[in-house]
Amino acid sequence: MKIAKEEIVHVGKLARLHLDDKAVNLYERQLDDVLSYMETLNRLDTRNVLPTSHVISVTNAFREDVVTESLEPETALSNAPESEDNTFVVPKILE
């Protein structure tokens, strides 16, 4: 598939890019290569191929969410520089 230089310039303008002639020629060659490859892929018979969202099997790496004992407030606050009424005291950053 051949892409026209006018299309590259138009897309460049939409993206607010200033493309000189050298860049337009480079992108023309690169986009022609990409579109040619896509034509090759479009010729493949994919009727018996199930759609996927990933090329490899993806599984969740997180553990099961299990309820466990919570820390006692005194233990959780034991290393805090400052605490008050079972809460952390932090510097005020907003007025």
PDB file of N, CA and C in Angstrom:
ATOM      1  N   MET A   1       0.856  -1.176   0.000  1.00  0.00           N
ATOM      2  CA  MET A   1       0.000   0.000   0.000  1.00  0.00           C
ATOM      3  C   MET A   1       0.895   1.230   0.000  1.00  0.00           C
ATOM      4  N   LYS A   2       0.540   2.169  -0.777  1.00  0.00           N
ATOM      5  CA  LYS A   2       1.318   3.398  -0.886  1.00  0.00           C
ATOM      6  C   LYS A   2       0.590   4.509  -0.128  1.00  0.00           C
ATOM      7  N   ILE A   3       1.335   5.231   0.682  1.00  0.00           N
ATOM      8  CA  ILE A   3       0.755   6.365   1.406  1.00  0.00           C
ATOM      9  C   ILE A   3       1.244   7.642   0.733  1.00  0.00           C
ATOM     10  N   ALA A   4       0.353   8.579   0.557  1.00  0.00           N
ATOM     11  CA  ALA A   4       0.696   9.828  -0.135  1.00  0.00           C
ATOM     12  C   ALA A   4       1.384  10.796   0.824  1.00  0.00           C
ATOM     13  N   LYS A   5       2.300  11.572   0.278  1.00  0.00           N
ATOM     14  CA  LYS A   5       2.996  12.578   1.085  1.00  0.00           C
ATOM     15  C   LYS A   5       2.001  13.573   1.676  1.00  0.00           C
ATOM     16  N   GLU A   6       0.936  13.843   0.927  1.00  0.00           N
ATOM     17  CA  GLU A   6      -0.071  14.784   1.415  1.00  0.00           C
ATOM     18  C   GLU A   6      -0.734  14.264   2.691  1.00  0.00           C
ATOM     19  N   GLU A   7      -0.926  12.943   2.764  1.00  0.00           N
ATOM     20  CA  GLU A   7      -1.517  12.352   3.964  1.00  0.00           C
ATOM     21  C   GLU A   7      -0.574  12.502   5.159  1.00  0.00           C
ATOM     22  N   ILE A   8       0.710  12.322   4.926  1.00  0.00           N
ATOM     23  CA  ILE A   8       1.689  12.465   6.002  1.00  0.00           C
ATOM     24  C   ILE A   8       1.726  13.906   6.486  1.00  0.00           C
ATOM     25  N   VAL A   9       1.732  14.842   5.573  1.00  0.00           N
ATOM     26  CA  VAL A   9       1.737  16.256   5.950  1.00  0.00           C
ATOM     27  C   VAL A   9       0.454  16.600   6.711  1.00  0.00           C
ATOM     28  N   HIS A  10      -0.683  16.067   6.247  1.00  0.00           N
ATOM     29  CA  HIS A  10      -1.968  16.338   6.902  1.00  0.00           C
ATOM     30  C   HIS A  10      -1.968  15.797   8.338  1.00  0.00           C
ATOM     31  N   VAL A  11      -1.524  14.564   8.512  1.00  0.00           N
ATOM     32  CA  VAL A  11      -1.482  13.982   9.852  1.00  0.00           C
ATOM     33  C   VAL A  11      -0.489  14.748  10.724  1.00  0.00           C
ATOM     34  N   GLY A  12       0.618  15.177  10.137  1.00  0.00           N
ATOM     35  CA  GLY A  12       1.589  15.982  10.867  1.00  0.00           C
ATOM     36  C   GLY A  12       0.972  17.282  11.363  1.00  0.00           C
ATOM     37  N   LYS A  13       0.170  17.903  10.519  1.00  0.00           N
ATOM     38  CA  LYS A  13      -0.504  19.151  10.934  1.00  0.00           C
ATOM     39  C   LYS A  13      -1.506  18.881  12.053  1.00  0.00           C
ATOM     40  N   LEU A  14      -2.238  17.772  11.943  1.00  0.00           N
ATOM     41  CA  LEU A  14      -3.194  17.423  13.000  1.00  0.00           C
ATOM     42  C   LEU A  14      -2.478  17.201  14.329  1.00  0.00           C
ATOM     43  N   ALA A  15      -1.259  16.660  14.261  1.00  0.00           N
ATOM     44  CA  ALA A  15      -0.474  16.409  15.468  1.00  0.00           C
ATOM     45  C   ALA A  15       0.356  17.629  15.857  1.00  0.00           C
ATOM     46  N   ARG A  16       0.184  18.716  15.113  1.00  0.00           N
ATOM     47  CA  ARG A  16       0.914  19.967  15.364  1.00  0.00           C
ATOM     48  C   ARG A  16       2.424  19.764  15.288  1.00  0.00           C
ATOM     49  N   LEU A  17       2.836  18.986  14.273  1.00  0.00           N
ATOM     50  CA  LEU A  17       4.246  18.754  14.029  1.00  0.00           C
ATOM     51  C   LEU A  17       4.685  19.525  12.799  1.00  0.00           C
ATOM     52  N   HIS A  18       5.860  20.102  12.865  1.00  0.00           N
ATOM     53  CA  HIS A  18       6.432  20.739  11.684  1.00  0.00           C
ATOM     54  C   HIS A  18       7.343  19.711  11.026  1.00  0.00           C
ATOM     55  N   LEU A  19       6.923  19.208   9.870  1.00  0.00           N
ATOM     56  CA  LEU A  19       7.684  18.188   9.175  1.00  0.00           C
ATOM     57  C   LEU A  19       8.353  18.797   7.946  1.00  0.00           C
ATOM     58  N   ASP A  20       9.681  18.738   7.905  1.00  0.00           N
ATOM     59  CA  ASP A  20      10.381  19.197   6.704  1.00  0.00           C
ATOM     60  C   ASP A  20      10.352  18.076   5.670  1.00  0.00           C
ATOM     61  N   ASP A  21      10.845  18.354   4.464  1.00  0.00           N
ATOM     62  CA  ASP A  21      10.799  17.375   3.368  1.00  0.00           C
ATOM     63  C   ASP A  21      11.554  16.095   3.717  1.00  0.00           C
ATOM     64  N   LYS A  22      12.652  16.235   4.448  1.00  0.00           N
ATOM     65  CA  LYS A  22      13.444  15.064   4.830  1.00  0.00           C
ATOM     66  C   LYS A  22      12.625  14.145   5.740  1.00  0.00           C
ATOM     67  N   ALA A  23      11.922  14.724   6.709  1.00  0.00           N
ATOM     68  CA  ALA A  23      11.101  13.938   7.628  1.00  0.00           C
ATOM     69  C   ALA A  23       9.931  13.298   6.894  1.00  0.00           C
ATOM     70  N   VAL A  24       9.305  14.047   5.991  1.00  0.00           N
ATOM     71  CA  VAL A  24       8.167  13.510   5.227  1.00  0.00           C
ATOM     72  C   VAL A  24       8.614  12.300   4.415  1.00  0.00           C
ATOM     73  N   ASN A  25       9.778  12.402   3.756  1.00  0.00           N
ATOM     74  CA  ASN A  25      10.288  11.278   2.963  1.00  0.00           C
ATOM     75  C   ASN A  25      10.611  10.076   3.845  1.00  0.00           C
ATOM     76  N   LEU A  26      11.195  10.317   5.011  1.00  0.00           N
ATOM     77  CA  LEU A  26      11.509   9.238   5.939  1.00  0.00           C
ATOM     78  C   LEU A  26      10.235   8.544   6.406  1.00  0.00           C
ATOM     79  N   TYR A  27       9.244   9.325   6.845  1.00  0.00           N
ATOM     80  CA  TYR A  27       7.989   8.751   7.317  1.00  0.00           C
ATOM     81  C   TYR A  27       7.238   8.041   6.201  1.00  0.00           C
ATOM     82  N   GLU A  28       7.355   8.543   4.993  1.00  0.00           N
ATOM     83  CA  GLU A  28       6.697   7.894   3.858  1.00  0.00           C
ATOM     84  C   GLU A  28       7.253   6.484   3.662  1.00  0.00           C
ATOM     85  N   ARG A  29       8.570   6.353   3.709  1.00  0.00           N
ATOM     86  CA  ARG A  29       9.192   5.029   3.549  1.00  0.00           C
ATOM     87  C   ARG A  29       8.809   4.114   4.712  1.00  0.00           C
ATOM     88  N   GLN A  30       8.883   4.644   5.936  1.00  0.00           N
ATOM     89  CA  GLN A  30       8.590   3.820   7.105  1.00  0.00           C
ATOM     90  C   GLN A  30       7.123   3.378   7.131  1.00  0.00           C
ATOM     91  N   LEU A  31       6.213   4.302   6.840  1.00  0.00           N
ATOM     92  CA  LEU A  31       4.786   3.954   6.850  1.00  0.00           C
ATOM     93  C   LEU A  31       4.440   3.009   5.707  1.00  0.00           C
ATOM     94  N   ASP A  32       5.097   3.147   4.569  1.00  0.00           N
ATOM     95  CA  ASP A  32       4.887   2.205   3.470  1.00  0.00           C
ATOM     96  C   ASP A  32       5.285   0.797   3.900  1.00  0.00           C
ATOM     97  N   ASP A  33       6.412   0.680   4.638  1.00  0.00           N
ATOM     98  CA  ASP A  33       6.854  -0.626   5.124  1.00  0.00           C
ATOM     99  C   ASP A  33       5.825  -1.222   6.090  1.00  0.00           C
ATOM    100  N   VAL A  34       5.317  -0.397   6.994  1.00  0.00           N
ATOM    101  CA  VAL A  34       4.328  -0.870   7.973  1.00  0.00           C
ATOM    102  C   VAL A  34       3.055  -1.311   7.264  1.00  0.00           C
ATOM    103  N   LEU A  35       2.564  -0.495   6.347  1.00  0.00           N
ATOM    104  CA  LEU A  35       1.323  -0.828   5.645  1.00  0.00           C
ATOM    105  C   LEU A  35       1.492  -2.053   4.759  1.00  0.00           C
ATOM    106  N   SER A  36       2.657  -2.227   4.150  1.00  0.00           N
ATOM    107  CA  SER A  36       2.927  -3.431   3.344  1.00  0.00           C
ATOM    108  C   SER A  36       2.889  -4.669   4.224  1.00  0.00           C
ATOM    109  N   TYR A  37       3.472  -4.582   5.404  1.00  0.00           N
ATOM    110  CA  TYR A  37       3.456  -5.707   6.333  1.00  0.00           C
ATOM    111  C   TYR A  37       2.024  -6.015   6.764  1.00  0.00           C
ATOM    112  N   MET A  38       1.226  -4.988   6.998  1.00  0.00           N
ATOM    113  CA  MET A  38      -0.167  -5.206   7.385  1.00  0.00           C
ATOM    114  C   MET A  38      -0.938  -5.901   6.265  1.00  0.00           C
ATOM    115  N   GLU A  39      -0.635  -5.569   5.025  1.00  0.00           N
ATOM    116  CA  GLU A  39      -1.278  -6.258   3.898  1.00  0.00           C
ATOM    117  C   GLU A  39      -0.931  -7.739   3.916  1.00  0.00           C
ATOM    118  N   THR A  40       0.330  -8.044   4.235  1.00  0.00           N
ATOM    119  CA  THR A  40       0.761  -9.435   4.342  1.00  0.00           C
ATOM    120  C   THR A  40      -0.023 -10.147   5.433  1.00  0.00           C
ATOM    121  N   LEU A  41      -0.164  -9.517   6.581  1.00  0.00           N
ATOM    122  CA  LEU A  41      -0.926 -10.123   7.681  1.00  0.00           C
ATOM    123  C   LEU A  41      -2.397 -10.296   7.325  1.00  0.00           C
ATOM    124  N   ASN A  42      -2.944  -9.357   6.569  1.00  0.00           N
ATOM    125  CA  ASN A  42      -4.360  -9.441   6.194  1.00  0.00           C
ATOM    126  C   ASN A  42      -4.638 -10.624   5.270  1.00  0.00           C
ATOM    127  N   ARG A  43      -3.617 -11.147   4.604  1.00  0.00           N
ATOM    128  CA  ARG A  43      -3.804 -12.293   3.707  1.00  0.00           C
ATOM    129  C   ARG A  43      -3.862 -13.621   4.469  1.00  0.00           C
ATOM    130  N   LEU A  44      -3.501 -13.611   5.741  1.00  0.00           N
ATOM    131  CA  LEU A  44      -3.524 -14.838   6.529  1.00  0.00           C
ATOM    132  C   LEU A  44      -4.952 -15.253   6.839  1.00  0.00           C
ATOM    133  N   ASP A  45      -5.181 -16.561   6.840  1.00  0.00           N
ATOM    134  CA  ASP A  45      -6.492 -17.103   7.189  1.00  0.00           C
ATOM    135  C   ASP A  45      -6.578 -17.213   8.716  1.00  0.00           C
ATOM    136  N   THR A  46      -7.391 -16.389   9.317  1.00  0.00           N
ATOM    137  CA  THR A  46      -7.523 -16.382  10.778  1.00  0.00           C
ATOM    138  C   THR A  46      -8.918 -16.810  11.232  1.00  0.00           C
ATOM    139  N   ARG A  47      -9.633 -17.501  10.361  1.00  0.00           N
ATOM    140  CA  ARG A  47     -11.002 -17.882  10.706  1.00  0.00           C
ATOM    141  C   ARG A  47     -11.068 -18.793  11.928  1.00  0.00           C
ATOM    142  N   ASN A  48     -10.082 -19.662  12.127  1.00  0.00           N
ATOM    143  CA  ASN A  48     -10.104 -20.602  13.247  1.00  0.00           C
ATOM    144  C   ASN A  48      -9.231 -20.148  14.412  1.00  0.00           C
ATOM    145  N   VAL A  49      -8.850 -18.895  14.424  1.00  0.00           N
ATOM    146  CA  VAL A  49      -8.014 -18.358  15.503  1.00  0.00           C
ATOM    147  C   VAL A  49      -8.894 -17.520  16.415  1.00  0.00           C
ATOM    148  N   LEU A  50      -8.902 -17.889  17.693  1.00  0.00           N
ATOM    149  CA  LEU A  50      -9.719 -17.147  18.650  1.00  0.00           C
ATOM    150  C   LEU A  50      -9.076 -15.795  18.951  1.00  0.00           C
ATOM    151  N   PRO A  51      -9.873 -14.751  19.093  1.00  0.00           N
ATOM    152  CA  PRO A  51      -9.315 -13.446  19.458  1.00  0.00           C
ATOM    153  C   PRO A  51      -8.709 -13.480  20.852  1.00  0.00           C
ATOM    154  N   THR A  52      -7.633 -12.761  21.049  1.00  0.00           N
ATOM    155  CA  THR A  52      -6.985 -12.688  22.353  1.00  0.00           C
ATOM    156  C   THR A  52      -6.628 -11.246  22.659  1.00  0.00           C
ATOM    157  N   SER A  53      -6.446 -10.976  23.936  1.00  0.00           N
ATOM    158  CA  SER A  53      -5.997  -9.635  24.326  1.00  0.00           C
ATOM    159  C   SER A  53      -4.492  -9.604  24.532  1.00  0.00           C
ATOM    160  N   HIS A  54      -3.878 -10.795  24.706  1.00  0.00           N
ATOM    161  CA  HIS A  54      -2.438 -10.906  24.893  1.00  0.00           C
ATOM    162  C   HIS A  54      -1.932 -12.098  24.084  1.00  0.00           C
ATOM    163  N   VAL A  55      -0.693 -12.027  23.669  1.00  0.00           N
ATOM    164  CA  VAL A  55      -0.143 -13.138  22.894  1.00  0.00           C
ATOM    165  C   VAL A  55       0.274 -14.308  23.776  1.00  0.00           C
ATOM    166  N   ILE A  56       0.458 -14.043  25.070  1.00  0.00           N
ATOM    167  CA  ILE A  56       0.780 -15.115  26.006  1.00  0.00           C
ATOM    168  C   ILE A  56      -0.283 -15.139  27.092  1.00  0.00           C
ATOM    169  N   SER A  57      -0.368 -16.257  27.792  1.00  0.00           N
ATOM    170  CA  SER A  57      -1.335 -16.379  28.874  1.00  0.00           C
ATOM    171  C   SER A  57      -0.948 -15.449  30.020  1.00  0.00           C
ATOM    172  N   VAL A  58      -1.873 -14.641  30.466  1.00  0.00           N
ATOM    173  CA  VAL A  58      -1.614 -13.698  31.548  1.00  0.00           C
ATOM    174  C   VAL A  58      -2.464 -14.100  32.747  1.00  0.00           C
ATOM    175  N   THR A  59      -1.809 -14.248  33.889  1.00  0.00           N
ATOM    176  CA  THR A  59      -2.542 -14.581  35.103  1.00  0.00           C
ATOM    177  C   THR A  59      -2.243 -13.538  36.167  1.00  0.00           C
ATOM    178  N   ASN A  60      -3.138 -13.404  37.095  1.00  0.00           N
ATOM    179  CA  ASN A  60      -2.980 -12.455  38.177  1.00  0.00           C
ATOM    180  C   ASN A  60      -1.909 -12.966  39.143  1.00  0.00           C
ATOM    181  N   ALA A  61      -0.944 -12.124  39.471  1.00  0.00           N
ATOM    182  CA  ALA A  61       0.150 -12.529  40.349  1.00  0.00           C
ATOM    183  C   ALA A  61      -0.123 -12.200  41.811  1.00  0.00           C
ATOM    184  N   PHE A  62      -1.294 -11.680  42.110  1.00  0.00           N
ATOM    185  CA  PHE A  62      -1.604 -11.303  43.477  1.00  0.00           C
ATOM    186  C   PHE A  62      -2.119 -12.500  44.272  1.00  0.00           C
ATOM    187  N   ARG A  63      -1.913 -12.439  45.564  1.00  0.00           N
ATOM    188  CA  ARG A  63      -2.410 -13.492  46.435  1.00  0.00           C
ATOM    189  C   ARG A  63      -3.899 -13.285  46.680  1.00  0.00           C
ATOM    190  N   GLU A  64      -4.525 -14.308  47.201  1.00  0.00           N
ATOM    191  CA  GLU A  64      -5.925 -14.190  47.586  1.00  0.00           C
ATOM    192  C   GLU A  64      -6.046 -13.164  48.705  1.00  0.00           C
ATOM    193  N   ASP A  65      -7.128 -12.429  48.719  1.00  0.00           N
ATOM    194  CA  ASP A  65      -7.376 -11.453  49.770  1.00  0.00           C
ATOM    195  C   ASP A  65      -7.990 -12.189  50.961  1.00  0.00           C
ATOM    196  N   VAL A  66      -7.195 -12.322  52.006  1.00  0.00           N
ATOM    197  CA  VAL A  66      -7.628 -13.067  53.185  1.00  0.00           C
ATOM    198  C   VAL A  66      -7.611 -12.126  54.389  1.00  0.00           C
ATOM    199  N   VAL A  67      -8.672 -12.161  55.161  1.00  0.00           N
ATOM    200  CA  VAL A  67      -8.754 -11.332  56.360  1.00  0.00           C
ATOM    201  C   VAL A  67      -7.831 -11.926  57.416  1.00  0.00           C
ATOM    202  N   THR A  68      -6.959 -11.079  57.977  1.00  0.00           N
ATOM    203  CA  THR A  68      -6.055 -11.512  59.051  1.00  0.00           C
ATOM    204  C   THR A  68      -6.151 -10.519  60.201  1.00  0.00           C
ATOM    205  N   GLU A  69      -5.484 -10.835  61.271  1.00  0.00           N
ATOM    206  CA  GLU A  69      -5.464  -9.949  62.424  1.00  0.00           C
ATOM    207  C   GLU A  69      -4.801  -8.622  62.055  1.00  0.00           C
ATOM    208  N   SER A  70      -5.361  -7.538  62.534  1.00  0.00           N
ATOM    209  CA  SER A  70      -4.780  -6.214  62.314  1.00  0.00           C
ATOM    210  C   SER A  70      -3.752  -5.922  63.402  1.00  0.00           C
ATOM    211  N   LEU A  71      -2.882  -4.980  63.120  1.00  0.00           N
ATOM    212  CA  LEU A  71      -1.929  -4.539  64.144  1.00  0.00           C
ATOM    213  C   LEU A  71      -2.662  -3.745  65.208  1.00  0.00           C
ATOM    214  N   GLU A  72      -2.179  -3.867  66.402  1.00  0.00           N
ATOM    215  CA  GLU A  72      -2.685  -3.014  67.465  1.00  0.00           C
ATOM    216  C   GLU A  72      -2.214  -1.586  67.172  1.00  0.00           C
ATOM    217  N   PRO A  73      -3.032  -0.574  67.463  1.00  0.00           N
ATOM    218  CA  PRO A  73      -2.630   0.804  67.187  1.00  0.00           C
ATOM    219  C   PRO A  73      -1.272   1.169  67.789  1.00  0.00           C
ATOM    220  N   GLU A  74      -0.999   0.676  68.978  1.00  0.00           N
ATOM    221  CA  GLU A  74       0.288   0.998  69.616  1.00  0.00           C
ATOM    222  C   GLU A  74       1.455   0.433  68.805  1.00  0.00           C
ATOM    223  N   THR A  75       1.295  -0.762  68.261  1.00  0.00           N
ATOM    224  CA  THR A  75       2.357  -1.381  67.457  1.00  0.00           C
ATOM    225  C   THR A  75       2.543  -0.618  66.149  1.00  0.00           C
ATOM    226  N   ALA A  76       1.429  -0.272  65.501  1.00  0.00           N
ATOM    227  CA  ALA A  76       1.509   0.440  64.235  1.00  0.00           C
ATOM    228  C   ALA A  76       2.156   1.811  64.408  1.00  0.00           C
ATOM    229  N   LEU A  77       1.921   2.457  65.540  1.00  0.00           N
ATOM    230  CA  LEU A  77       2.433   3.808  65.772  1.00  0.00           C
ATOM    231  C   LEU A  77       3.763   3.821  66.525  1.00  0.00           C
ATOM    232  N   SER A  78       4.300   2.657  66.841  1.00  0.00           N
ATOM    233  CA  SER A  78       5.487   2.589  67.695  1.00  0.00           C
ATOM    234  C   SER A  78       6.711   3.305  67.108  1.00  0.00           C
ATOM    235  N   ASN A  79       6.868   3.350  65.812  1.00  0.00           N
ATOM    236  CA  ASN A  79       8.028   4.026  65.197  1.00  0.00           C
ATOM    237  C   ASN A  79       7.687   5.406  64.640  1.00  0.00           C
ATOM    238  N   ALA A  80       6.469   5.844  64.824  1.00  0.00           N
ATOM    239  CA  ALA A  80       6.074   7.158  64.310  1.00  0.00           C
ATOM    240  C   ALA A  80       6.750   8.258  65.119  1.00  0.00           C
ATOM    241  N   PRO A  81       7.270   9.291  64.444  1.00  0.00           N
ATOM    242  CA  PRO A  81       7.883  10.387  65.181  1.00  0.00           C
ATOM    243  C   PRO A  81       6.898  11.079  66.114  1.00  0.00           C
ATOM    244  N   GLU A  82       5.613  11.124  65.673  1.00  0.00           N
ATOM    245  CA  GLU A  82       4.602  11.780  66.493  1.00  0.00           C
ATOM    246  C   GLU A  82       3.247  11.141  66.214  1.00  0.00           C
ATOM    247  N   SER A  83       2.472  10.927  67.258  1.00  0.00           N
ATOM    248  CA  SER A  83       1.131  10.371  67.096  1.00  0.00           C
ATOM    249  C   SER A  83       0.197  11.035  68.099  1.00  0.00           C
ATOM    250  N   GLU A  84      -1.096  10.930  67.794  1.00  0.00           N
ATOM    251  CA  GLU A  84      -2.102  11.528  68.674  1.00  0.00           C
ATOM    252  C   GLU A  84      -3.420  10.802  68.459  1.00  0.00           C
ATOM    253  N   ASP A  85      -4.050  10.362  69.520  1.00  0.00           N
ATOM    254  CA  ASP A  85      -5.340   9.666  69.462  1.00  0.00           C
ATOM    255  C   ASP A  85      -5.326   8.512  68.452  1.00  0.00           C
ATOM    256  N   ASN A  86      -4.299   7.668  68.521  1.00  0.00           N
ATOM    257  CA  ASN A  86      -4.158   6.501  67.638  1.00  0.00           C
ATOM    258  C   ASN A  86      -4.080   6.860  66.152  1.00  0.00           C
ATOM    259  N   THR A  87      -3.528   8.028  65.831  1.00  0.00           N
ATOM    260  CA  THR A  87      -3.313   8.428  64.442  1.00  0.00           C
ATOM    261  C   THR A  87      -1.909   8.996  64.290  1.00  0.00           C
ATOM    262  N   PHE A  88      -1.407   8.976  63.063  1.00  0.00           N
ATOM    263  CA  PHE A  88      -0.121   9.585  62.765  1.00  0.00           C
ATOM    264  C   PHE A  88      -0.286  11.092  62.700  1.00  0.00           C
ATOM    265  N   VAL A  89       0.657  11.845  63.239  1.00  0.00           N
ATOM    266  CA  VAL A  89       0.670  13.300  63.109  1.00  0.00           C
ATOM    267  C   VAL A  89       1.714  13.621  62.050  1.00  0.00           C
ATOM    268  N   VAL A  90       1.277  14.346  61.015  1.00  0.00           N
ATOM    269  CA  VAL A  90       2.162  14.700  59.911  1.00  0.00           C
ATOM    270  C   VAL A  90       2.176  16.226  59.762  1.00  0.00           C
ATOM    271  N   PRO A  91       3.219  16.774  59.130  1.00  0.00           N
ATOM    272  CA  PRO A  91       3.265  18.220  58.954  1.00  0.00           C
ATOM    273  C   PRO A  91       2.127  18.693  58.044  1.00  0.00           C
ATOM    274  N   LYS A  92       1.598  19.846  58.362  1.00  0.00           N
ATOM    275  CA  LYS A  92       0.539  20.457  57.555  1.00  0.00           C
ATOM    276  C   LYS A  92       1.182  21.021  56.293  1.00  0.00           C
ATOM    277  N   ILE A  93       0.667  20.628  55.124  1.00  0.00           N
ATOM    278  CA  ILE A  93       1.245  21.125  53.870  1.00  0.00           C
ATOM    279  C   ILE A  93       0.300  22.017  53.093  1.00  0.00           C
ATOM    280  N   LEU A  94      -0.967  22.012  53.441  1.00  0.00           N
ATOM    281  CA  LEU A  94      -1.944  22.866  52.778  1.00  0.00           C
ATOM    282  C   LEU A  94      -2.514  23.849  53.776  1.00  0.00           C
ATOM    283  N   GLU A  95      -2.707  25.041  53.327  1.00  0.00           N
ATOM    284  CA  GLU A  95      -3.289  26.079  54.189  1.00  0.00           C
ATOM    285  C   GLU A  95      -4.768  26.171  53.974  1.00  0.00           C
TER     286      GLU A  95
END
